Amino acid sequence: MSDKKSLKFHIIFWFSTLLLLALDQFTKYLAAIHLKNQPAIPFIENIFSLQYLENRGAAFGIMQGGKVFFVILTIIFLFLAFWIYCRLPLTRRNHPIYVILSLFLAGAVGNFIDRVTMNYVIDFFYFELINFPIFNVADIYVTCGAILFFITFLFFYKEKELEELWNQIFPFRKGNS
């Protein structure tokens, strides 16, 4: 890819990631302003509502009070994500991986900001119909990224391509030639 196209791609990637992050933070701000200390707001009666929750754990409320663990885990994840971003060949074939990285980064950083600044993550979407744990926009990004990850790596890439990518991203692996 030419330097001009490469620069354009990187600008679009980071702009998109920051836009997703801003959307997450804005929705959490709105939730804190309009939903905190208020009864749940039914969006679709008995199916879906907006309900404020301060989650001090991970997804689905597991590991309550594990802030230090989550902060360390997020920092390790961010390091790994940036490593992959820097090492991943910039080809059209790898664009799905960049989309996945953008979703993961926006989701991880969105919840990381909350954990570090407030000691909890603001959640506010609640599917009453199935009593699904309350979640937020960052959680949606991570979930969509995970689904895309599995679809991409199960159906998009061939085994040989995955091996080549793995060797380019982690060249220091034992057995690499």
Foldseek 3Di string as FASTA:
>chain_A
DDPVVVVVVVVVLVVLLVVLLVVQLVVLVVCCVPAPPHPWADPDPQFKTWHKDWALDDPLNPPHVPLVVLLVVLVVVVVLLVLLVVQADPDPLCVLVSLLSSLLSSLSVNQNVCCVPPVTGIFTIAGSNVRGRTHTSSVVSNVVSVVSVCCCVVPPDDPVVVVVSVCRSCVVDPPHD
